[in-house]
Amino acid sequence: MSHFFLRSKHYVLFVPLFLTTLTTWIFQGMYSQSIQEWSTEAQMGGDFDFSGFDLADYNVYFYAFIGVMLLSLLTQVGWYRSVGQDLKRYLPDHLDLQDKTFKVTIPLQVITTFAIIAIYWYGWNWASDNLTALIDNEGIGSGTPQDFLMTMLKFLGMFSLVGIIGFAATIYNCYFAGKTLKSIEEGRPVKGGEVVGYVILSYFLVVGVWIMQPKINRLVETGSMDKAEDNEAW
């Protein structure tokens, strides 16, 4: 698996990373088009019956989005792990980066992403079952509005907590991968400010692969990240 991530061309890794953004754009575009159609119908026809709207009609797009999220996660985590673990052999002999935290944050990013997907899944199915009732002011089940509000606040709190933990894990993975690459490139221990560029590129990996992956390819093939004429700022 590491062989794939270290030797793949940048455009190969770009595809699964960009798919999440692309499907989001497609979904938002289709949703906006539906909203415009409903708005036009309401203006031209007077009373507008919203009961015809069924969120389940969009299930295929939601499932596709979840699928590409998982593919993007696999690409991100696979790349972080391959860089942080399998490129260590290219570090200078006197330099040893401690990776105990990295070995925790890699699976933590996976776990929190799956937790967020589970929350998305639950929220989508809940909305599919109850959205029309909410719009028609029919209420949901036998609970009071206060019960509904408390449930939503708990749901939001859980989502926020998982999101913060996942974000922190991802940032550390970006930092460790960026520090590993920069240390190899410089041939010495690097300080925090020197790593910022690679950390940013690692976080925005959909852009970063175009800059960092060619260097990784050269490192694996020749043992050096730089070309003779390489004057890149990063």
C-alpha atoms as a PDB file:
ATOM      1  CA  MET A   1       0.000   0.000   0.000  1.00  0.00           C
ATOM      2  CA  SER A   2       2.810   2.429   0.866  1.00  0.00           C
ATOM      3  CA  HIS A   3       4.433   1.617  -2.473  1.00  0.00           C
ATOM      4  CA  PHE A   4       1.293   2.928  -4.190  1.00  0.00           C
ATOM      5  CA  PHE A   5       1.187   6.225  -2.288  1.00  0.00           C
ATOM      6  CA  LEU A   6       4.905   6.929  -2.598  1.00  0.00           C
ATOM      7  CA  ARG A   7       5.202   6.097  -6.295  1.00  0.00           C
ATOM      8  CA  SER A   8       1.838   7.297  -7.624  1.00  0.00           C
ATOM      9  CA  LYS A   9       1.831  10.396  -9.776  1.00  0.00           C
ATOM     10  CA  HIS A  10       0.271  13.538  -8.359  1.00  0.00           C
ATOM     11  CA  TYR A  11      -2.670  13.479 -10.768  1.00  0.00           C
ATOM     12  CA  VAL A  12      -3.576   9.926  -9.675  1.00  0.00           C
ATOM     13  CA  LEU A  13      -3.887  11.000  -6.033  1.00  0.00           C
ATOM     14  CA  PHE A  14      -5.666  14.203  -7.027  1.00  0.00           C
ATOM     15  CA  VAL A  15      -8.689  12.334  -8.422  1.00  0.00           C
ATOM     16  CA  PRO A  16      -9.998  10.723  -5.183  1.00  0.00           C
ATOM     17  CA  LEU A  17      -9.132  13.852  -3.189  1.00  0.00           C
ATOM     18  CA  PHE A  18     -11.105  16.094  -5.534  1.00  0.00           C
ATOM     19  CA  LEU A  19     -14.114  13.773  -5.837  1.00  0.00           C
ATOM     20  CA  THR A  20     -15.493  14.859  -2.454  1.00  0.00           C
ATOM     21  CA  THR A  21     -15.474  18.499  -3.546  1.00  0.00           C
ATOM     22  CA  LEU A  22     -16.924  17.623  -6.941  1.00  0.00           C
ATOM     23  CA  THR A  23     -19.830  15.597  -5.551  1.00  0.00           C
ATOM     24  CA  THR A  24     -20.566  18.386  -3.058  1.00  0.00           C
ATOM     25  CA  TRP A  25     -20.792  20.873  -5.915  1.00  0.00           C
ATOM     26  CA  ILE A  26     -23.062  18.553  -7.885  1.00  0.00           C
ATOM     27  CA  PHE A  27     -25.341  17.944  -4.902  1.00  0.00           C
ATOM     28  CA  GLN A  28     -25.536  21.647  -4.063  1.00  0.00           C
ATOM     29  CA  GLY A  29     -26.278  22.478  -7.689  1.00  0.00           C
ATOM     30  CA  MET A  30     -29.119  19.971  -7.927  1.00  0.00           C
ATOM     31  CA  TYR A  31     -30.545  21.082  -4.586  1.00  0.00           C
ATOM     32  CA  SER A  32     -30.396  24.753  -5.592  1.00  0.00           C
ATOM     33  CA  GLN A  33     -32.133  23.939  -8.863  1.00  0.00           C
ATOM     34  CA  SER A  34     -34.932  22.154  -6.991  1.00  0.00           C
ATOM     35  CA  ILE A  35     -35.325  25.113  -4.619  1.00  0.00           C
ATOM     36  CA  GLN A  36     -35.629  27.470  -7.588  1.00  0.00           C
ATOM     37  CA  GLU A  37     -38.249  25.239  -9.206  1.00  0.00           C
ATOM     38  CA  TRP A  38     -40.288  25.088  -5.974  1.00  0.00           C
ATOM     39  CA  SER A  39     -40.007  28.869  -5.580  1.00  0.00           C
ATOM     40  CA  THR A  40     -41.195  29.472  -9.148  1.00  0.00           C
ATOM     41  CA  GLU A  41     -44.087  27.052  -8.703  1.00  0.00           C
ATOM     42  CA  ALA A  42     -45.122  28.741  -5.464  1.00  0.00           C
ATOM     43  CA  GLN A  43     -45.074  32.189  -7.065  1.00  0.00           C
ATOM     44  CA  MET A  44     -47.040  31.134 -10.132  1.00  0.00           C
ATOM     45  CA  GLY A  45     -49.506  28.782  -8.496  1.00  0.00           C
ATOM     46  CA  GLY A  46     -50.326  30.535  -5.268  1.00  0.00           C
ATOM     47  CA  ASP A  47     -50.504  27.873  -2.569  1.00  0.00           C
ATOM     48  CA  PHE A  48     -47.555  25.553  -2.736  1.00  0.00           C
ATOM     49  CA  ASP A  49     -47.813  22.025  -1.431  1.00  0.00           C
ATOM     50  CA  PHE A  50     -44.451  21.069   0.036  1.00  0.00           C
ATOM     51  CA  SER A  51     -45.652  17.551   0.828  1.00  0.00           C
ATOM     52  CA  GLY A  52     -44.437  16.390  -2.561  1.00  0.00           C
ATOM     53  CA  PHE A  53     -40.843  16.864  -1.434  1.00  0.00           C
ATOM     54  CA  ASP A  54     -39.164  13.638  -0.386  1.00  0.00           C
ATOM     55  CA  LEU A  55     -35.580  13.730   0.841  1.00  0.00           C
ATOM     56  CA  ALA A  56     -35.299  10.035   0.015  1.00  0.00           C
ATOM     57  CA  ASP A  57     -35.217  11.026  -3.662  1.00  0.00           C
ATOM     58  CA  TYR A  58     -31.697  12.291  -3.008  1.00  0.00           C
ATOM     59  CA  ASN A  59     -30.462   9.120  -1.289  1.00  0.00           C
ATOM     60  CA  VAL A  60     -28.324   8.063  -4.236  1.00  0.00           C
ATOM     61  CA  TYR A  61     -26.421  11.363  -4.098  1.00  0.00           C
ATOM     62  CA  PHE A  62     -25.999  11.148  -0.345  1.00  0.00           C
ATOM     63  CA  TYR A  63     -24.653   7.597  -0.558  1.00  0.00           C
ATOM     64  CA  ALA A  64     -22.321   8.647  -3.379  1.00  0.00           C
ATOM     65  CA  PHE A  65     -21.039  11.492  -1.200  1.00  0.00           C
ATOM     66  CA  ILE A  66     -20.387   9.093   1.689  1.00  0.00           C
ATOM     67  CA  GLY A  67     -18.565   6.757  -0.689  1.00  0.00           C
ATOM     68  CA  VAL A  68     -16.220   9.430  -1.997  1.00  0.00           C
ATOM     69  CA  MET A  69     -15.670  10.689   1.563  1.00  0.00           C
ATOM     70  CA  LEU A  70     -14.370   7.239   2.461  1.00  0.00           C
ATOM     71  CA  LEU A  71     -12.208   7.128  -0.665  1.00  0.00           C
ATOM     72  CA  SER A  72     -10.787  10.554   0.138  1.00  0.00           C
ATOM     73  CA  LEU A  73     -10.149   9.474   3.740  1.00  0.00           C
ATOM     74  CA  LEU A  74      -8.276   6.384   2.543  1.00  0.00           C
ATOM     75  CA  THR A  75      -6.144   8.531   0.246  1.00  0.00           C
ATOM     76  CA  GLN A  76      -5.378  11.145   2.904  1.00  0.00           C
ATOM     77  CA  VAL A  77      -4.567   8.747   5.720  1.00  0.00           C
ATOM     78  CA  GLY A  78      -2.654   6.421   3.405  1.00  0.00           C
ATOM     79  CA  TRP A  79      -0.540   9.327   2.189  1.00  0.00           C
ATOM     80  CA  TYR A  80       0.093  10.697   5.694  1.00  0.00           C
ATOM     81  CA  ARG A  81       1.092   7.288   7.006  1.00  0.00           C
ATOM     82  CA  SER A  82       3.300   6.477   4.024  1.00  0.00           C
ATOM     83  CA  VAL A  83       5.150   9.782   4.322  1.00  0.00           C
ATOM     84  CA  GLY A  84       5.409   9.762   8.110  1.00  0.00           C
ATOM     85  CA  GLN A  85       6.377   6.109   8.506  1.00  0.00           C
ATOM     86  CA  ASP A  86       7.903   4.773   5.315  1.00  0.00           C
ATOM     87  CA  LEU A  87      10.039   7.776   4.370  1.00  0.00           C
ATOM     88  CA  LYS A  88      11.818   7.721   7.737  1.00  0.00           C
ATOM     89  CA  ARG A  89      14.596   5.650   6.189  1.00  0.00           C
ATOM     90  CA  TYR A  90      15.586   8.722   4.159  1.00  0.00           C
ATOM     91  CA  LEU A  91      16.124  10.850   7.266  1.00  0.00           C
ATOM     92  CA  PRO A  92      19.721  11.721   8.174  1.00  0.00           C
ATOM     93  CA  ASP A  93      21.331   9.107  10.422  1.00  0.00           C
ATOM     94  CA  HIS A  94      21.536  11.488  13.365  1.00  0.00           C
ATOM     95  CA  LEU A  95      17.854  12.449  13.180  1.00  0.00           C
ATOM     96  CA  ASP A  96      15.087  10.370  14.737  1.00  0.00           C
ATOM     97  CA  LEU A  97      11.559  11.787  14.729  1.00  0.00           C
ATOM     98  CA  GLN A  98       9.458  10.424  17.587  1.00  0.00           C
ATOM     99  CA  ASP A  99       6.286   8.987  16.084  1.00  0.00           C
ATOM    100  CA  LYS A 100       4.406   7.720  19.151  1.00  0.00           C
ATOM    101  CA  THR A 101       1.769  10.449  18.886  1.00  0.00           C
ATOM    102  CA  PHE A 102       1.580   9.990  15.113  1.00  0.00           C
ATOM    103  CA  LYS A 103       0.752   6.306  15.589  1.00  0.00           C
ATOM    104  CA  VAL A 104      -2.233   7.418  17.698  1.00  0.00           C
ATOM    105  CA  THR A 105      -3.486  10.295  15.559  1.00  0.00           C
ATOM    106  CA  ILE A 106      -3.535   8.278  12.323  1.00  0.00           C
ATOM    107  CA  PRO A 107      -6.190   5.795  13.565  1.00  0.00           C
ATOM    108  CA  LEU A 108      -7.871   8.616  15.514  1.00  0.00           C
ATOM    109  CA  GLN A 109      -8.469  10.519  12.268  1.00  0.00           C
ATOM    110  CA  VAL A 110     -10.044   7.397  10.780  1.00  0.00           C
ATOM    111  CA  ILE A 111     -12.235   6.741  13.831  1.00  0.00           C
ATOM    112  CA  THR A 112     -13.516  10.315  14.074  1.00  0.00           C
ATOM    113  CA  THR A 113     -14.255  10.441  10.347  1.00  0.00           C
ATOM    114  CA  PHE A 114     -16.292   7.245  10.599  1.00  0.00           C
ATOM    115  CA  ALA A 115     -18.086   8.737  13.613  1.00  0.00           C
ATOM    116  CA  ILE A 116     -18.928  11.870  11.618  1.00  0.00           C
ATOM    117  CA  ILE A 117     -20.178   9.729   8.734  1.00  0.00           C
ATOM    118  CA  ALA A 118     -22.365   7.795  11.186  1.00  0.00           C
ATOM    119  CA  ILE A 119     -23.782  11.103  12.467  1.00  0.00           C
ATOM    120  CA  TYR A 120     -24.414  12.244   8.892  1.00  0.00           C
ATOM    121  CA  TRP A 121     -26.139   8.929   8.175  1.00  0.00           C
ATOM    122  CA  TYR A 122     -28.353   9.142  11.242  1.00  0.00           C
ATOM    123  CA  GLY A 123     -29.192  12.793  10.580  1.00  0.00           C
ATOM    124  CA  TRP A 124     -30.046  12.128   6.943  1.00  0.00           C
ATOM    125  CA  ASN A 125     -32.370   9.242   7.768  1.00  0.00           C
ATOM    126  CA  TRP A 126     -33.968  11.211  10.589  1.00  0.00           C
ATOM    127  CA  ALA A 127     -34.568  14.180   8.278  1.00  0.00           C
ATOM    128  CA  SER A 128     -36.004  11.875   5.605  1.00  0.00           C
ATOM    129  CA  ASP A 129     -38.551  10.567   8.114  1.00  0.00           C
ATOM    130  CA  ASN A 130     -39.461  13.852   9.812  1.00  0.00           C
ATOM    131  CA  LEU A 131     -38.763  16.820   7.543  1.00  0.00           C
ATOM    132  CA  THR A 132     -42.248  17.002   6.045  1.00  0.00           C
ATOM    133  CA  ALA A 133     -43.865  16.753   9.490  1.00  0.00           C
ATOM    134  CA  LEU A 134     -41.693  19.608  10.744  1.00  0.00           C
ATOM    135  CA  ILE A 135     -42.600  21.841   7.808  1.00  0.00           C
ATOM    136  CA  ASP A 136     -46.310  21.093   8.242  1.00  0.00           C
ATOM    137  CA  ASN A 137     -46.052  21.821  11.997  1.00  0.00           C
ATOM    138  CA  GLU A 138     -47.337  18.359  12.812  1.00  0.00           C
ATOM    139  CA  GLY A 139     -44.721  17.711  15.449  1.00  0.00           C
ATOM    140  CA  ILE A 140     -42.463  14.707  15.812  1.00  0.00           C
ATOM    141  CA  GLY A 141     -43.631  11.752  17.831  1.00  0.00           C
ATOM    142  CA  SER A 142     -45.065  12.402  21.266  1.00  0.00           C
ATOM    143  CA  GLY A 143     -42.266  14.645  22.544  1.00  0.00           C
ATOM    144  CA  THR A 144     -42.576  18.331  23.364  1.00  0.00           C
ATOM    145  CA  PRO A 145     -40.744  21.095  21.475  1.00  0.00           C
ATOM    146  CA  GLN A 146     -38.416  21.361  24.473  1.00  0.00           C
ATOM    147  CA  ASP A 147     -37.524  17.675  24.160  1.00  0.00           C
ATOM    148  CA  PHE A 148     -36.835  18.147  20.471  1.00  0.00           C
ATOM    149  CA  LEU A 149     -34.610  21.172  21.171  1.00  0.00           C
ATOM    150  CA  MET A 150     -32.601  19.293  23.818  1.00  0.00           C
ATOM    151  CA  THR A 151     -32.122  16.364  21.457  1.00  0.00           C
ATOM    152  CA  MET A 152     -30.849  18.669  18.722  1.00  0.00           C
ATOM    153  CA  LEU A 153     -28.462  20.417  21.135  1.00  0.00           C
ATOM    154  CA  LYS A 154     -27.045  17.078  22.286  1.00  0.00           C
ATOM    155  CA  PHE A 155     -26.682  16.013  18.676  1.00  0.00           C
ATOM    156  CA  LEU A 156     -24.868  19.250  17.821  1.00  0.00           C
ATOM    157  CA  GLY A 157     -22.616  18.953  20.867  1.00  0.00           C
ATOM    158  CA  MET A 158     -21.616  15.396  20.000  1.00  0.00           C
ATOM    159  CA  PHE A 159     -20.929  16.375  16.393  1.00  0.00           C
ATOM    160  CA  SER A 160     -18.807  19.348  17.505  1.00  0.00           C
ATOM    161  CA  LEU A 161     -16.764  17.266  19.953  1.00  0.00           C
ATOM    162  CA  VAL A 162     -16.026  14.559  17.396  1.00  0.00           C
ATOM    163  CA  GLY A 163     -15.209  17.206  14.797  1.00  0.00           C
ATOM    164  CA  ILE A 164     -12.734  19.006  17.078  1.00  0.00           C
ATOM    165  CA  ILE A 165     -10.949  15.769  17.976  1.00  0.00           C
ATOM    166  CA  GLY A 166     -10.779  14.736  14.334  1.00  0.00           C
ATOM    167  CA  PHE A 167      -9.507  18.172  13.288  1.00  0.00           C
ATOM    168  CA  ALA A 168      -6.756  18.083  15.926  1.00  0.00           C
ATOM    169  CA  ALA A 169      -5.691  14.594  14.806  1.00  0.00           C
ATOM    170  CA  THR A 170      -5.613  15.683  11.165  1.00  0.00           C
ATOM    171  CA  ILE A 171      -3.542  18.782  11.960  1.00  0.00           C
ATOM    172  CA  TYR A 172      -0.977  16.687  13.818  1.00  0.00           C
ATOM    173  CA  ASN A 173      -0.797  14.199  10.953  1.00  0.00           C
ATOM    174  CA  CYS A 174      -0.170  17.095   8.559  1.00  0.00           C
ATOM    175  CA  TYR A 175       2.497  18.460  10.885  1.00  0.00           C
ATOM    176  CA  PHE A 176       4.326  15.153  11.230  1.00  0.00           C
ATOM    177  CA  ALA A 177       4.198  14.380   7.510  1.00  0.00           C
ATOM    178  CA  GLY A 178       5.340  17.919   6.678  1.00  0.00           C
ATOM    179  CA  LYS A 179       8.151  17.801   9.228  1.00  0.00           C
ATOM    180  CA  THR A 180       9.341  14.452   7.893  1.00  0.00           C
ATOM    181  CA  LEU A 181       9.454  15.740   4.318  1.00  0.00           C
ATOM    182  CA  LYS A 182      11.164  19.003   5.243  1.00  0.00           C
ATOM    183  CA  SER A 183      13.741  17.238   7.427  1.00  0.00           C
ATOM    184  CA  ILE A 184      14.607  14.899   4.558  1.00  0.00           C
ATOM    185  CA  GLU A 185      14.825  17.802   2.133  1.00  0.00           C
ATOM    186  CA  GLU A 186      17.080  19.891   4.396  1.00  0.00           C
ATOM    187  CA  GLY A 187      19.113  16.960   5.726  1.00  0.00           C
ATOM    188  CA  ARG A 188      18.858  18.296   9.279  1.00  0.00           C
ATOM    189  CA  PRO A 189      16.329  18.884  12.070  1.00  0.00           C
ATOM    190  CA  VAL A 190      13.922  21.662  11.117  1.00  0.00           C
ATOM    191  CA  LYS A 191      12.178  24.193  13.327  1.00  0.00           C
ATOM    192  CA  GLY A 192       8.471  25.007  13.444  1.00  0.00           C
ATOM    193  CA  GLY A 193       8.518  27.955  11.062  1.00  0.00           C
ATOM    194  CA  GLU A 194      10.337  25.954   8.398  1.00  0.00           C
ATOM    195  CA  VAL A 195       7.613  23.316   8.351  1.00  0.00           C
ATOM    196  CA  VAL A 196       4.641  25.646   7.874  1.00  0.00           C
ATOM    197  CA  GLY A 197       4.621  25.424   4.078  1.00  0.00           C
ATOM    198  CA  TYR A 198       4.510  21.641   3.969  1.00  0.00           C
ATOM    199  CA  VAL A 199       1.957  21.515   6.798  1.00  0.00           C
ATOM    200  CA  ILE A 200      -0.401  23.773   4.851  1.00  0.00           C
ATOM    201  CA  LEU A 201       0.113  21.753   1.679  1.00  0.00           C
ATOM    202  CA  SER A 202      -0.480  18.523   3.604  1.00  0.00           C
ATOM    203  CA  TYR A 203      -3.742  19.866   5.007  1.00  0.00           C
ATOM    204  CA  PHE A 204      -4.948  21.082   1.617  1.00  0.00           C
ATOM    205  CA  LEU A 205      -3.702  17.873   0.077  1.00  0.00           C
ATOM    206  CA  VAL A 206      -5.857  18.232  -3.024  1.00  0.00           C
ATOM    207  CA  VAL A 207      -3.492  21.093  -3.933  1.00  0.00           C
ATOM    208  CA  GLY A 208      -0.441  19.873  -2.032  1.00  0.00           C
ATOM    209  CA  VAL A 209       0.001  16.671  -4.024  1.00  0.00           C
ATOM    210  CA  TRP A 210       0.806  18.716  -7.130  1.00  0.00           C
ATOM    211  CA  ILE A 211       3.813  20.221  -5.325  1.00  0.00           C
ATOM    212  CA  MET A 212       4.959  17.535  -2.880  1.00  0.00           C
ATOM    213  CA  GLN A 213       4.263  14.284  -4.727  1.00  0.00           C
ATOM    214  CA  PRO A 214       6.767  14.911  -7.566  1.00  0.00           C
ATOM    215  CA  LYS A 215       9.438  15.445  -4.903  1.00  0.00           C
ATOM    216  CA  ILE A 216       8.434  12.227  -3.156  1.00  0.00           C
ATOM    217  CA  ASN A 217       8.575  10.382  -6.479  1.00  0.00           C
ATOM    218  CA  ARG A 218      12.121  11.688  -7.065  1.00  0.00           C
ATOM    219  CA  LEU A 219      13.132  10.779  -3.513  1.00  0.00           C
ATOM    220  CA  VAL A 220      11.972   7.187  -3.896  1.00  0.00           C
ATOM    221  CA  GLU A 221      13.506   6.842  -7.363  1.00  0.00           C
ATOM    222  CA  THR A 222      16.815   8.683  -6.889  1.00  0.00           C
ATOM    223  CA  GLY A 223      17.278   9.159  -3.141  1.00  0.00           C
ATOM    224  CA  SER A 224      16.995  12.951  -3.426  1.00  0.00           C
ATOM    225  CA  MET A 225      13.976  15.256  -3.415  1.00  0.00           C
ATOM    226  CA  ASP A 226      15.589  18.003  -5.474  1.00  0.00           C
ATOM    227  CA  LYS A 227      16.409  18.416  -9.119  1.00  0.00           C
ATOM    228  CA  ALA A 228      19.557  20.249 -10.173  1.00  0.00           C
ATOM    229  CA  GLU A 229      17.481  23.241 -11.251  1.00  0.00           C
ATOM    230  CA  ASP A 230      15.013  22.999  -8.349  1.00  0.00           C
ATOM    231  CA  ASN A 231      14.534  26.493  -6.911  1.00  0.00           C
ATOM    232  CA  GLU A 232      11.027  26.027  -5.550  1.00  0.00           C
ATOM    233  CA  ALA A 233      10.085  28.129  -2.531  1.00  0.00           C
ATOM    234  CA  TRP A 234       8.430  25.258  -0.710  1.00  0.00           C
END
